[in-house]
Each structure stands twice: as C-alpha cells, then as structure tokens.
Amino acid sequence: MWATWCKPCLREMPLLLDWRDRLRQDGVALDVVFLSLDEEADELAKFLAAHPEVARLPRCAPPAQATQEMGQFLLFDAAAQIPVHVLAAPDGRIRCIHNGSLNEADYATVAAWLR
C-alpha cells in the first residue's frame, strides 16, 4: 500500500519491481500489486501517466472506508506508517505484513518468506 505523496513508497517501487524480476528468474512465482491510498484521483492519474511501469500493474484506489476496513482485516491501524507490504502465498494465505520502507538489505529476508 502506497501513496503518491509518500517519498519512501516512491523510492522503493523500482526496488520491488527489481526484486520481482530477480525472484522470477530464481523460479519464484511473484506478482507485485501496488494498492494506492491516494484520495486525490487527479494526483494518482498524473503519477500513473508519468510512470508506465507502475500503471501496467494491477492496482486500485479504494475509498477511505475500504482502506480502514482493509487495515482492520490485516490487523493494523489505518493510520499506520506506509508503505505497507503484505506478502501472501499463491493460495492467498498471508505470510508477512510489514509497515515502513524496505531497503536492498531486506532482499534475503523477503526472498526467504516467499520461497
């Protein structure tokens, strides 16, 4: 979960796409979905127009109520720090939820959770 105004989110988007590609090369079936928490549709549309690599991915911008309900379902406060990462198995089981930014040093840990 991310937003156009979140600098850590924007910084790590290319990192997550790189990780996806690296893991796929290692035989790990992985999809990345960016769930926007932006409330301003115009800002999101501008961002997606400028970033086709993100615009091609599955995404949606839920209304504030849906975001709050999602947070309750995933057991975190809707005011939690973003980005929020939800790692799920192919069968939909949630393996890990992480609030806050990821860095290259986190790759090994994330890869282990996904294998």
PDB file of N, CA and C in Angstrom:
ATOM      1  N   MET A   1       0.859  -1.164   0.000  1.00  0.00           N
ATOM      2  CA  MET A   1       0.000   0.000   0.000  1.00  0.00           C
ATOM      3  C   MET A   1       0.900   1.219   0.000  1.00  0.00           C
ATOM      4  N   TRP A   2       0.558   2.178  -0.830  1.00  0.00           N
ATOM      5  CA  TRP A   2       1.413   3.328  -1.052  1.00  0.00           C
ATOM      6  C   TRP A   2       0.569   4.547  -1.369  1.00  0.00           C
ATOM      7  N   ALA A   3       1.227   5.681  -1.559  1.00  0.00           N
ATOM      8  CA  ALA A   3       0.550   6.904  -1.987  1.00  0.00           C
ATOM      9  C   ALA A   3       1.550   7.771  -2.754  1.00  0.00           C
ATOM     10  N   THR A   4       1.049   8.597  -3.635  1.00  0.00           N
ATOM     11  CA  THR A   4       1.918   9.435  -4.455  1.00  0.00           C
ATOM     12  C   THR A   4       2.700  10.443  -3.621  1.00  0.00           C
ATOM     13  N   TRP A   5       2.206  10.800  -2.451  1.00  0.00           N
ATOM     14  CA  TRP A   5       2.870  11.784  -1.593  1.00  0.00           C
ATOM     15  C   TRP A   5       3.877  11.139  -0.646  1.00  0.00           C
ATOM     16  N   CYS A   6       3.995   9.828  -0.661  1.00  0.00           N
ATOM     17  CA  CYS A   6       4.872   9.086   0.249  1.00  0.00           C
ATOM     18  C   CYS A   6       6.241   8.867  -0.406  1.00  0.00           C
ATOM     19  N   LYS A   7       7.232   9.642   0.018  1.00  0.00           N
ATOM     20  CA  LYS A   7       8.568   9.547  -0.586  1.00  0.00           C
ATOM     21  C   LYS A   7       9.194   8.160  -0.425  1.00  0.00           C
ATOM     22  N   PRO A   8       9.104   7.512   0.755  1.00  0.00           N
ATOM     23  CA  PRO A   8       9.651   6.155   0.851  1.00  0.00           C
ATOM     24  C   PRO A   8       8.953   5.178  -0.100  1.00  0.00           C
ATOM     25  N   CYS A   9       7.656   5.362  -0.306  1.00  0.00           N
ATOM     26  CA  CYS A   9       6.916   4.497  -1.234  1.00  0.00           C
ATOM     27  C   CYS A   9       7.481   4.637  -2.643  1.00  0.00           C
ATOM     28  N   LEU A  10       7.666   5.880  -3.074  1.00  0.00           N
ATOM     29  CA  LEU A  10       8.148   6.140  -4.428  1.00  0.00           C
ATOM     30  C   LEU A  10       9.583   5.647  -4.601  1.00  0.00           C
ATOM     31  N   ARG A  11      10.395   5.781  -3.556  1.00  0.00           N
ATOM     32  CA  ARG A  11      11.772   5.332  -3.620  1.00  0.00           C
ATOM     33  C   ARG A  11      11.864   3.824  -3.787  1.00  0.00           C
ATOM     34  N   GLU A  12      10.978   3.097  -3.136  1.00  0.00           N
ATOM     35  CA  GLU A  12      11.123   1.645  -3.163  1.00  0.00           C
ATOM     36  C   GLU A  12      10.338   0.952  -4.280  1.00  0.00           C
ATOM     37  N   MET A  13       9.484   1.647  -4.989  1.00  0.00           N
ATOM     38  CA  MET A  13       8.737   0.988  -6.066  1.00  0.00           C
ATOM     39  C   MET A  13       9.665   0.326  -7.091  1.00  0.00           C
ATOM     40  N   PRO A  14      10.693   1.017  -7.598  1.00  0.00           N
ATOM     41  CA  PRO A  14      11.607   0.341  -8.533  1.00  0.00           C
ATOM     42  C   PRO A  14      12.325  -0.842  -7.881  1.00  0.00           C
ATOM     43  N   LEU A  15      12.636  -0.721  -6.598  1.00  0.00           N
ATOM     44  CA  LEU A  15      13.281  -1.809  -5.866  1.00  0.00           C
ATOM     45  C   LEU A  15      12.392  -3.051  -5.850  1.00  0.00           C
ATOM     46  N   LEU A  16      11.114  -2.870  -5.557  1.00  0.00           N
ATOM     47  CA  LEU A  16      10.178  -4.002  -5.517  1.00  0.00           C
ATOM     48  C   LEU A  16      10.021  -4.642  -6.890  1.00  0.00           C
ATOM     49  N   LEU A  17      10.007  -3.834  -7.931  1.00  0.00           N
ATOM     50  CA  LEU A  17       9.905  -4.386  -9.287  1.00  0.00           C
ATOM     51  C   LEU A  17      11.173  -5.162  -9.650  1.00  0.00           C
ATOM     52  N   ASP A  18      12.327  -4.663  -9.218  1.00  0.00           N
ATOM     53  CA  ASP A  18      13.584  -5.385  -9.436  1.00  0.00           C
ATOM     54  C   ASP A  18      13.568  -6.712  -8.682  1.00  0.00           C
ATOM     55  N   TRP A  19      13.121  -6.691  -7.430  1.00  0.00           N
ATOM     56  CA  TRP A  19      13.041  -7.932  -6.642  1.00  0.00           C
ATOM     57  C   TRP A  19      12.122  -8.940  -7.322  1.00  0.00           C
ATOM     58  N   ARG A  20      10.990  -8.452  -7.817  1.00  0.00           N
ATOM     59  CA  ARG A  20      10.067  -9.345  -8.529  1.00  0.00           C
ATOM     60  C   ARG A  20      10.787 -10.043  -9.674  1.00  0.00           C
ATOM     61  N   ASP A  21      11.515  -9.277 -10.474  1.00  0.00           N
ATOM     62  CA  ASP A  21      12.209  -9.840 -11.626  1.00  0.00           C
ATOM     63  C   ASP A  21      13.292 -10.827 -11.196  1.00  0.00           C
ATOM     64  N   ARG A  22      14.055 -10.484 -10.159  1.00  0.00           N
ATOM     65  CA  ARG A  22      15.102 -11.379  -9.662  1.00  0.00           C
ATOM     66  C   ARG A  22      14.516 -12.677  -9.123  1.00  0.00           C
ATOM     67  N   LEU A  23      13.444 -12.573  -8.377  1.00  0.00           N
ATOM     68  CA  LEU A  23      12.818 -13.769  -7.813  1.00  0.00           C
ATOM     69  C   LEU A  23      12.201 -14.640  -8.903  1.00  0.00           C
ATOM     70  N   ARG A  24      11.604 -14.024  -9.894  1.00  0.00           N
ATOM     71  CA  ARG A  24      11.051 -14.798 -11.015  1.00  0.00           C
ATOM     72  C   ARG A  24      12.162 -15.562 -11.728  1.00  0.00           C
ATOM     73  N   GLN A  25      13.336 -14.942 -11.882  1.00  0.00           N
ATOM     74  CA  GLN A  25      14.471 -15.630 -12.506  1.00  0.00           C
ATOM     75  C   GLN A  25      14.909 -16.839 -11.686  1.00  0.00           C
ATOM     76  N   ASP A  26      14.682 -16.776 -10.378  1.00  0.00           N
ATOM     77  CA  ASP A  26      15.014 -17.893  -9.495  1.00  0.00           C
ATOM     78  C   ASP A  26      13.872 -18.897  -9.363  1.00  0.00           C
ATOM     79  N   GLY A  27      12.828 -18.726 -10.181  1.00  0.00           N
ATOM     80  CA  GLY A  27      11.726 -19.670 -10.183  1.00  0.00           C
ATOM     81  C   GLY A  27      10.631 -19.410  -9.164  1.00  0.00           C
ATOM     82  N   VAL A  28      10.647 -18.246  -8.529  1.00  0.00           N
ATOM     83  CA  VAL A  28       9.609 -17.895  -7.556  1.00  0.00           C
ATOM     84  C   VAL A  28       8.511 -17.132  -8.291  1.00  0.00           C
ATOM     85  N   ALA A  29       7.320 -17.690  -8.319  1.00  0.00           N
ATOM     86  CA  ALA A  29       6.181 -17.018  -8.962  1.00  0.00           C
ATOM     87  C   ALA A  29       5.773 -15.847  -8.074  1.00  0.00           C
ATOM     88  N   LEU A  30       5.925 -14.641  -8.600  1.00  0.00           N
ATOM     89  CA  LEU A  30       5.674 -13.460  -7.787  1.00  0.00           C
ATOM     90  C   LEU A  30       4.986 -12.390  -8.606  1.00  0.00           C
ATOM     91  N   ASP A  31       3.943 -11.834  -8.042  1.00  0.00           N
ATOM     92  CA  ASP A  31       3.273 -10.673  -8.619  1.00  0.00           C
ATOM     93  C   ASP A  31       3.394  -9.535  -7.626  1.00  0.00           C
ATOM     94  N   VAL A  32       3.503  -8.333  -8.129  1.00  0.00           N
ATOM     95  CA  VAL A  32       3.516  -7.131  -7.301  1.00  0.00           C
ATOM     96  C   VAL A  32       2.261  -6.344  -7.630  1.00  0.00           C
ATOM     97  N   VAL A  33       1.519  -5.983  -6.605  1.00  0.00           N
ATOM     98  CA  VAL A  33       0.318  -5.166  -6.768  1.00  0.00           C
ATOM     99  C   VAL A  33       0.503  -3.929  -5.899  1.00  0.00           C
ATOM    100  N   PHE A  34       0.403  -2.764  -6.505  1.00  0.00           N
ATOM    101  CA  PHE A  34       0.500  -1.514  -5.762  1.00  0.00           C
ATOM    102  C   PHE A  34      -0.911  -1.012  -5.484  1.00  0.00           C
ATOM    103  N   LEU A  35      -1.308  -0.996  -4.234  1.00  0.00           N
ATOM    104  CA  LEU A  35      -2.632  -0.538  -3.820  1.00  0.00           C
ATOM    105  C   LEU A  35      -2.503   0.903  -3.348  1.00  0.00           C
ATOM    106  N   SER A  36      -3.005   1.828  -4.146  1.00  0.00           N
ATOM    107  CA  SER A  36      -2.880   3.253  -3.840  1.00  0.00           C
ATOM    108  C   SER A  36      -3.859   3.668  -2.754  1.00  0.00           C
ATOM    109  N   LEU A  37      -3.351   4.451  -1.813  1.00  0.00           N
ATOM    110  CA  LEU A  37      -4.188   5.026  -0.765  1.00  0.00           C
ATOM    111  C   LEU A  37      -4.484   6.497  -1.037  1.00  0.00           C
ATOM    112  N   ASP A  38      -4.152   6.948  -2.244  1.00  0.00           N
ATOM    113  CA  ASP A  38      -4.401   8.341  -2.605  1.00  0.00           C
ATOM    114  C   ASP A  38      -5.887   8.653  -2.604  1.00  0.00           C
ATOM    115  N   GLU A  39      -6.215   9.811  -2.063  1.00  0.00           N
ATOM    116  CA  GLU A  39      -7.600  10.270  -2.071  1.00  0.00           C
ATOM    117  C   GLU A  39      -7.868  11.198  -3.249  1.00  0.00           C
ATOM    118  N   GLU A  40      -6.820  11.748  -3.833  1.00  0.00           N
ATOM    119  CA  GLU A  40      -6.947  12.659  -4.968  1.00  0.00           C
ATOM    120  C   GLU A  40      -6.741  11.879  -6.272  1.00  0.00           C
ATOM    121  N   ALA A  41      -7.816  11.593  -6.964  1.00  0.00           N
ATOM    122  CA  ALA A  41      -7.746  10.812  -8.201  1.00  0.00           C
ATOM    123  C   ALA A  41      -6.869  11.485  -9.250  1.00  0.00           C
ATOM    124  N   ASP A  42      -6.893  12.828  -9.300  1.00  0.00           N
ATOM    125  CA  ASP A  42      -6.078  13.544 -10.282  1.00  0.00           C
ATOM    126  C   ASP A  42      -4.593  13.328 -10.035  1.00  0.00           C
ATOM    127  N   GLU A  43      -4.170  13.351  -8.771  1.00  0.00           N
ATOM    128  CA  GLU A  43      -2.757  13.141  -8.437  1.00  0.00           C
ATOM    129  C   GLU A  43      -2.321  11.733  -8.822  1.00  0.00           C
ATOM    130  N   LEU A  44      -3.168  10.759  -8.546  1.00  0.00           N
ATOM    131  CA  LEU A  44      -2.849   9.376  -8.901  1.00  0.00           C
ATOM    132  C   LEU A  44      -2.769   9.231 -10.418  1.00  0.00           C
ATOM    133  N   ALA A  45      -3.703   9.823 -11.141  1.00  0.00           N
ATOM    134  CA  ALA A  45      -3.706   9.739 -12.606  1.00  0.00           C
ATOM    135  C   ALA A  45      -2.438  10.363 -13.189  1.00  0.00           C
ATOM    136  N   LYS A  46      -2.004  11.506 -12.641  1.00  0.00           N
ATOM    137  CA  LYS A  46      -0.766  12.143 -13.108  1.00  0.00           C
ATOM    138  C   LYS A  46       0.434  11.236 -12.868  1.00  0.00           C
ATOM    139  N   PHE A  47       0.485  10.643 -11.681  1.00  0.00           N
ATOM    140  CA  PHE A  47       1.602   9.771 -11.354  1.00  0.00           C
ATOM    141  C   PHE A  47       1.645   8.573 -12.304  1.00  0.00           C
ATOM    142  N   LEU A  48       0.510   7.944 -12.520  1.00  0.00           N
ATOM    143  CA  LEU A  48       0.468   6.765 -13.381  1.00  0.00           C
ATOM    144  C   LEU A  48       0.813   7.108 -14.825  1.00  0.00           C
ATOM    145  N   ALA A  49       0.414   8.275 -15.281  1.00  0.00           N
ATOM    146  CA  ALA A  49       0.763   8.702 -16.640  1.00  0.00           C
ATOM    147  C   ALA A  49       2.275   8.877 -16.782  1.00  0.00           C
ATOM    148  N   ALA A  50       2.928   9.321 -15.712  1.00  0.00           N
ATOM    149  CA  ALA A  50       4.374   9.547 -15.741  1.00  0.00           C
ATOM    150  C   ALA A  50       5.188   8.291 -15.440  1.00  0.00           C
ATOM    151  N   HIS A  51       4.531   7.242 -14.957  1.00  0.00           N
ATOM    152  CA  HIS A  51       5.227   6.009 -14.562  1.00  0.00           C
ATOM    153  C   HIS A  51       4.527   4.791 -15.163  1.00  0.00           C
ATOM    154  N   PRO A  52       4.728   4.553 -16.457  1.00  0.00           N
ATOM    155  CA  PRO A  52       4.037   3.430 -17.110  1.00  0.00           C
ATOM    156  C   PRO A  52       4.385   2.067 -16.509  1.00  0.00           C
ATOM    157  N   GLU A  53       5.575   1.925 -15.906  1.00  0.00           N
ATOM    158  CA  GLU A  53       5.948   0.652 -15.301  1.00  0.00           C
ATOM    159  C   GLU A  53       5.048   0.312 -14.114  1.00  0.00           C
ATOM    160  N   VAL A  54       4.509   1.320 -13.474  1.00  0.00           N
ATOM    161  CA  VAL A  54       3.563   1.111 -12.372  1.00  0.00           C
ATOM    162  C   VAL A  54       2.144   1.015 -12.926  1.00  0.00           C
ATOM    163  N   ALA A  55       1.835   1.819 -13.923  1.00  0.00           N
ATOM    164  CA  ALA A  55       0.489   1.858 -14.487  1.00  0.00           C
ATOM    165  C   ALA A  55       0.093   0.510 -15.087  1.00  0.00           C
ATOM    166  N   ARG A  56       1.067  -0.275 -15.553  1.00  0.00           N
ATOM    167  CA  ARG A  56       0.767  -1.583 -16.156  1.00  0.00           C
ATOM    168  C   ARG A  56       0.374  -2.639 -15.127  1.00  0.00           C
ATOM    169  N   LEU A  57       0.697  -2.410 -13.860  1.00  0.00           N
ATOM    170  CA  LEU A  57       0.462  -3.410 -12.821  1.00  0.00           C
ATOM    171  C   LEU A  57      -0.978  -3.374 -12.332  1.00  0.00           C
ATOM    172  N   PRO A  58      -1.453  -4.494 -11.787  1.00  0.00           N
ATOM    173  CA  PRO A  58      -2.783  -4.466 -11.154  1.00  0.00           C
ATOM    174  C   PRO A  58      -2.773  -3.441 -10.017  1.00  0.00           C
ATOM    175  N   ARG A  59      -3.834  -2.679  -9.901  1.00  0.00           N
ATOM    176  CA  ARG A  59      -3.902  -1.675  -8.850  1.00  0.00           C
ATOM    177  C   ARG A  59      -5.343  -1.224  -8.667  1.00  0.00           C
ATOM    178  N   CYS A  60      -5.568  -0.549  -7.566  1.00  0.00           N
ATOM    179  CA  CYS A  60      -6.849   0.115  -7.361  1.00  0.00           C
ATOM    180  C   CYS A  60      -6.669   1.173  -6.294  1.00  0.00           C
ATOM    181  N   ALA A  61      -7.550   2.109  -6.261  1.00  0.00           N
ATOM    182  CA  ALA A  61      -7.530   3.172  -5.258  1.00  0.00           C
ATOM    183  C   ALA A  61      -8.832   3.084  -4.472  1.00  0.00           C
ATOM    184  N   PRO A  62      -8.796   2.444  -3.310  1.00  0.00           N
ATOM    185  CA  PRO A  62     -10.032   2.251  -2.550  1.00  0.00           C
ATOM    186  C   PRO A  62     -10.476   3.536  -1.858  1.00  0.00           C
ATOM    187  N   PRO A  63     -11.752   3.668  -1.629  1.00  0.00           N
ATOM    188  CA  PRO A  63     -12.225   4.803  -0.833  1.00  0.00           C
ATOM    189  C   PRO A  63     -11.713   4.671   0.598  1.00  0.00           C
ATOM    190  N   ALA A  64     -11.704   5.770   1.334  1.00  0.00           N
ATOM    191  CA  ALA A  64     -11.157   5.793   2.692  1.00  0.00           C
ATOM    192  C   ALA A  64     -11.773   4.707   3.578  1.00  0.00           C
ATOM    193  N   GLN A  65     -13.077   4.472   3.475  1.00  0.00           N
ATOM    194  CA  GLN A  65     -13.720   3.462   4.304  1.00  0.00           C
ATOM    195  C   GLN A  65     -13.168   2.070   3.993  1.00  0.00           C
ATOM    196  N   ALA A  66     -12.961   1.772   2.729  1.00  0.00           N
ATOM    197  CA  ALA A  66     -12.414   0.467   2.356  1.00  0.00           C
ATOM    198  C   ALA A  66     -10.996   0.312   2.889  1.00  0.00           C
ATOM    199  N   THR A  67     -10.217   1.398   2.870  1.00  0.00           N
ATOM    200  CA  THR A  67      -8.858   1.357   3.407  1.00  0.00           C
ATOM    201  C   THR A  67      -8.892   1.046   4.890  1.00  0.00           C
ATOM    202  N   GLN A  68      -9.789   1.678   5.618  1.00  0.00           N
ATOM    203  CA  GLN A  68      -9.927   1.441   7.050  1.00  0.00           C
ATOM    204  C   GLN A  68     -10.327  -0.010   7.314  1.00  0.00           C
ATOM    205  N   GLU A  69     -11.284  -0.522   6.555  1.00  0.00           N
ATOM    206  CA  GLU A  69     -11.719  -1.905   6.726  1.00  0.00           C
ATOM    207  C   GLU A  69     -10.595  -2.885   6.396  1.00  0.00           C
ATOM    208  N   MET A  70      -9.815  -2.571   5.366  1.00  0.00           N
ATOM    209  CA  MET A  70      -8.693  -3.424   4.999  1.00  0.00           C
ATOM    210  C   MET A  70      -7.680  -3.453   6.137  1.00  0.00           C
ATOM    211  N   GLY A  71      -7.411  -2.309   6.721  1.00  0.00           N
ATOM    212  CA  GLY A  71      -6.483  -2.229   7.845  1.00  0.00           C
ATOM    213  C   GLY A  71      -6.942  -3.073   9.009  1.00  0.00           C
ATOM    214  N   GLN A  72      -8.223  -3.051   9.300  1.00  0.00           N
ATOM    215  CA  GLN A  72      -8.751  -3.880  10.391  1.00  0.00           C
ATOM    216  C   GLN A  72      -8.617  -5.353  10.051  1.00  0.00           C
ATOM    217  N   PHE A  73      -8.871  -5.711   8.809  1.00  0.00           N
ATOM    218  CA  PHE A  73      -8.747  -7.102   8.381  1.00  0.00           C
ATOM    219  C   PHE A  73      -7.303  -7.581   8.505  1.00  0.00           C
ATOM    220  N   LEU A  74      -6.350  -6.706   8.126  1.00  0.00           N
ATOM    221  CA  LEU A  74      -4.933  -7.071   8.182  1.00  0.00           C
ATOM    222  C   LEU A  74      -4.308  -6.788   9.549  1.00  0.00           C
ATOM    223  N   LEU A  75      -5.127  -6.360  10.494  1.00  0.00           N
ATOM    224  CA  LEU A  75      -4.714  -6.139  11.877  1.00  0.00           C
ATOM    225  C   LEU A  75      -3.706  -5.005  12.048  1.00  0.00           C
ATOM    226  N   PHE A  76      -3.880  -3.930  11.276  1.00  0.00           N
ATOM    227  CA  PHE A  76      -3.087  -2.731  11.542  1.00  0.00           C
ATOM    228  C   PHE A  76      -4.001  -1.524  11.492  1.00  0.00           C
ATOM    229  N   ASP A  77      -3.602  -0.502  12.181  1.00  0.00           N
ATOM    230  CA  ASP A  77      -4.353   0.739  12.261  1.00  0.00           C
ATOM    231  C   ASP A  77      -4.311   1.440  10.903  1.00  0.00           C
ATOM    232  N   ALA A  78      -5.414   2.025  10.482  1.00  0.00           N
ATOM    233  CA  ALA A  78      -5.467   2.724   9.197  1.00  0.00           C
ATOM    234  C   ALA A  78      -4.493   3.897   9.157  1.00  0.00           C
ATOM    235  N   ALA A  79      -4.050   4.370  10.327  1.00  0.00           N
ATOM    236  CA  ALA A  79      -3.085   5.464  10.387  1.00  0.00           C
ATOM    237  C   ALA A  79      -1.648   4.938  10.420  1.00  0.00           C
ATOM    238  N   ALA A  80      -1.451   3.660  10.189  1.00  0.00           N
ATOM    239  CA  ALA A  80      -0.115   3.068  10.227  1.00  0.00           C
ATOM    240  C   ALA A  80       0.781   3.694   9.169  1.00  0.00           C
ATOM    241  N   GLN A  81       2.067   3.660   9.458  1.00  0.00           N
ATOM    242  CA  GLN A  81       3.055   4.193   8.518  1.00  0.00           C
ATOM    243  C   GLN A  81       3.010   3.416   7.209  1.00  0.00           C
ATOM    244  N   ILE A  82       3.060   4.139   6.091  1.00  0.00           N
ATOM    245  CA  ILE A  82       3.169   3.478   4.792  1.00  0.00           C
ATOM    246  C   ILE A  82       4.572   3.725   4.284  1.00  0.00           C
ATOM    247  N   PRO A  83       5.029   2.882   3.398  1.00  0.00           N
ATOM    248  CA  PRO A  83       4.310   1.798   2.745  1.00  0.00           C
ATOM    249  C   PRO A  83       4.023   0.634   3.689  1.00  0.00           C
ATOM    250  N   VAL A  84       2.992  -0.119   3.315  1.00  0.00           N
ATOM    251  CA  VAL A  84       2.646  -1.366   3.994  1.00  0.00           C
ATOM    252  C   VAL A  84       2.819  -2.469   2.966  1.00  0.00           C
ATOM    253  N   HIS A  85       3.507  -3.520   3.349  1.00  0.00           N
ATOM    254  CA  HIS A  85       3.754  -4.654   2.455  1.00  0.00           C
ATOM    255  C   HIS A  85       3.029  -5.864   3.008  1.00  0.00           C
ATOM    256  N   VAL A  86       2.299  -6.536   2.167  1.00  0.00           N
ATOM    257  CA  VAL A  86       1.619  -7.770   2.540  1.00  0.00           C
ATOM    258  C   VAL A  86       2.154  -8.857   1.618  1.00  0.00           C
ATOM    259  N   LEU A  87       2.848  -9.815   2.188  1.00  0.00           N
ATOM    260  CA  LEU A  87       3.366 -10.936   1.411  1.00  0.00           C
ATOM    261  C   LEU A  87       2.395 -12.092   1.579  1.00  0.00           C
ATOM    262  N   ALA A  88       1.876 -12.561   0.464  1.00  0.00           N
ATOM    263  CA  ALA A  88       0.883 -13.632   0.501  1.00  0.00           C
ATOM    264  C   ALA A  88       1.343 -14.796  -0.363  1.00  0.00           C
ATOM    265  N   ALA A  89       1.003 -15.992   0.072  1.00  0.00           N
ATOM    266  CA  ALA A  89       1.304 -17.206  -0.683  1.00  0.00           C
ATOM    267  C   ALA A  89       0.348 -17.290  -1.874  1.00  0.00           C
ATOM    268  N   PRO A  90       0.679 -18.125  -2.863  1.00  0.00           N
ATOM    269  CA  PRO A  90      -0.201 -18.262  -4.032  1.00  0.00           C
ATOM    270  C   PRO A  90      -1.633 -18.650  -3.674  1.00  0.00           C
ATOM    271  N   ASP A  91      -1.818 -19.339  -2.540  1.00  0.00           N
ATOM    272  CA  ASP A  91      -3.171 -19.732  -2.143  1.00  0.00           C
ATOM    273  C   ASP A  91      -3.903 -18.617  -1.388  1.00  0.00           C
ATOM    274  N   GLY A  92      -3.240 -17.450  -1.249  1.00  0.00           N
ATOM    275  CA  GLY A  92      -3.876 -16.315  -0.599  1.00  0.00           C
ATOM    276  C   GLY A  92      -3.561 -16.163   0.875  1.00  0.00           C
ATOM    277  N   ARG A  93      -2.894 -17.155   1.476  1.00  0.00           N
ATOM    278  CA  ARG A  93      -2.547 -17.043   2.898  1.00  0.00           C
ATOM    279  C   ARG A  93      -1.510 -15.941   3.089  1.00  0.00           C
ATOM    280  N   ILE A  94      -1.735 -15.086   4.060  1.00  0.00           N
ATOM    281  CA  ILE A  94      -0.799 -14.011   4.350  1.00  0.00           C
ATOM    282  C   ILE A  94       0.387 -14.594   5.103  1.00  0.00           C
ATOM    283  N   ARG A  95       1.595 -14.336   4.580  1.00  0.00           N
ATOM    284  CA  ARG A  95       2.823 -14.848   5.183  1.00  0.00           C
ATOM    285  C   ARG A  95       3.480 -13.811   6.087  1.00  0.00           C
ATOM    286  N   CYS A  96       3.327 -12.524   5.729  1.00  0.00           N
ATOM    287  CA  CYS A  96       4.005 -11.467   6.490  1.00  0.00           C
ATOM    288  C   CYS A  96       3.356 -10.127   6.150  1.00  0.00           C
ATOM    289  N   ILE A  97       3.271  -9.244   7.149  1.00  0.00           N
ATOM    290  CA  ILE A  97       2.847  -7.862   6.949  1.00  0.00           C
ATOM    291  C   ILE A  97       3.946  -6.987   7.522  1.00  0.00           C
ATOM    292  N   HIS A  98       4.404  -6.022   6.746  1.00  0.00           N
ATOM    293  CA  HIS A  98       5.488  -5.144   7.181  1.00  0.00           C
ATOM    294  C   HIS A  98       5.093  -3.697   6.939  1.00  0.00           C
ATOM    295  N   ASN A  99       5.157  -2.885   7.973  1.00  0.00           N
ATOM    296  CA  ASN A  99       4.911  -1.450   7.841  1.00  0.00           C
ATOM    297  C   ASN A  99       6.240  -0.733   7.723  1.00  0.00           C
ATOM    298  N   GLY A 100       6.314   0.226   6.840  1.00  0.00           N
ATOM    299  CA  GLY A 100       7.529   1.016   6.680  1.00  0.00           C
ATOM    300  C   GLY A 100       8.335   0.561   5.484  1.00  0.00           C
ATOM    301  N   SER A 101       9.319   1.355   5.155  1.00  0.00           N
ATOM    302  CA  SER A 101      10.096   1.168   3.948  1.00  0.00           C
ATOM    303  C   SER A 101      11.024  -0.043   4.005  1.00  0.00           C
ATOM    304  N   LEU A 102      11.240  -0.631   2.833  1.00  0.00           N
ATOM    305  CA  LEU A 102      12.203  -1.711   2.667  1.00  0.00           C
ATOM    306  C   LEU A 102      13.436  -1.169   1.955  1.00  0.00           C
ATOM    307  N   ASN A 103      14.564  -1.844   2.155  1.00  0.00           N
ATOM    308  CA  ASN A 103      15.815  -1.486   1.503  1.00  0.00           C
ATOM    309  C   ASN A 103      16.419  -2.723   0.878  1.00  0.00           C
ATOM    310  N   GLU A 104      17.429  -2.526   0.042  1.00  0.00           N
ATOM    311  CA  GLU A 104      18.097  -3.651  -0.620  1.00  0.00           C
ATOM    312  C   GLU A 104      18.556  -4.698   0.386  1.00  0.00           C
ATOM    313  N   ALA A 105      18.970  -4.274   1.565  1.00  0.00           N
ATOM    314  CA  ALA A 105      19.442  -5.203   2.592  1.00  0.00           C
ATOM    315  C   ALA A 105      18.344  -6.165   3.054  1.00  0.00           C
ATOM    316  N   ASP A 106      17.081  -5.842   2.784  1.00  0.00           N
ATOM    317  CA  ASP A 106      15.960  -6.693   3.184  1.00  0.00           C
ATOM    318  C   ASP A 106      15.660  -7.800   2.182  1.00  0.00           C
ATOM    319  N   TYR A 107      16.347  -7.804   1.042  1.00  0.00           N
ATOM    320  CA  TYR A 107      16.034  -8.747  -0.031  1.00  0.00           C
ATOM    321  C   TYR A 107      16.074 -10.204   0.435  1.00  0.00           C
ATOM    322  N   ALA A 108      17.134 -10.614   1.121  1.00  0.00           N
ATOM    323  CA  ALA A 108      17.273 -12.007   1.543  1.00  0.00           C
ATOM    324  C   ALA A 108      16.117 -12.441   2.428  1.00  0.00           C
ATOM    325  N   THR A 109      15.704 -11.575   3.336  1.00  0.00           N
ATOM    326  CA  THR A 109      14.595 -11.904   4.241  1.00  0.00           C
ATOM    327  C   THR A 109      13.293 -12.038   3.476  1.00  0.00           C
ATOM    328  N   VAL A 110      13.029 -11.106   2.580  1.00  0.00           N
ATOM    329  CA  VAL A 110      11.798 -11.161   1.781  1.00  0.00           C
ATOM    330  C   VAL A 110      11.810 -12.410   0.895  1.00  0.00           C
ATOM    331  N   ALA A 111      12.929 -12.687   0.255  1.00  0.00           N
ATOM    332  CA  ALA A 111      13.031 -13.866  -0.607  1.00  0.00           C
ATOM    333  C   ALA A 111      12.768 -15.139   0.187  1.00  0.00           C
ATOM    334  N   ALA A 112      13.284 -15.217   1.402  1.00  0.00           N
ATOM    335  CA  ALA A 112      13.059 -16.396   2.239  1.00  0.00           C
ATOM    336  C   ALA A 112      11.580 -16.570   2.569  1.00  0.00           C
ATOM    337  N   TRP A 113      10.876 -15.486   2.839  1.00  0.00           N
ATOM    338  CA  TRP A 113       9.444 -15.560   3.146  1.00  0.00           C
ATOM    339  C   TRP A 113       8.638 -16.046   1.934  1.00  0.00           C
ATOM    340  N   LEU A 114       9.126 -15.748   0.744  1.00  0.00           N
ATOM    341  CA  LEU A 114       8.379 -16.073  -0.458  1.00  0.00           C
ATOM    342  C   LEU A 114       8.700 -17.462  -1.017  1.00  0.00           C
ATOM    343  N   ARG A 115       9.711 -18.097  -0.504  1.00  0.00           N
ATOM    344  CA  ARG A 115      10.095 -19.428  -1.019  1.00  0.00           C
ATOM    345  C   ARG A 115       9.379 -20.517  -0.290  1.00  0.00           C
TER     346      ARG A 115
END
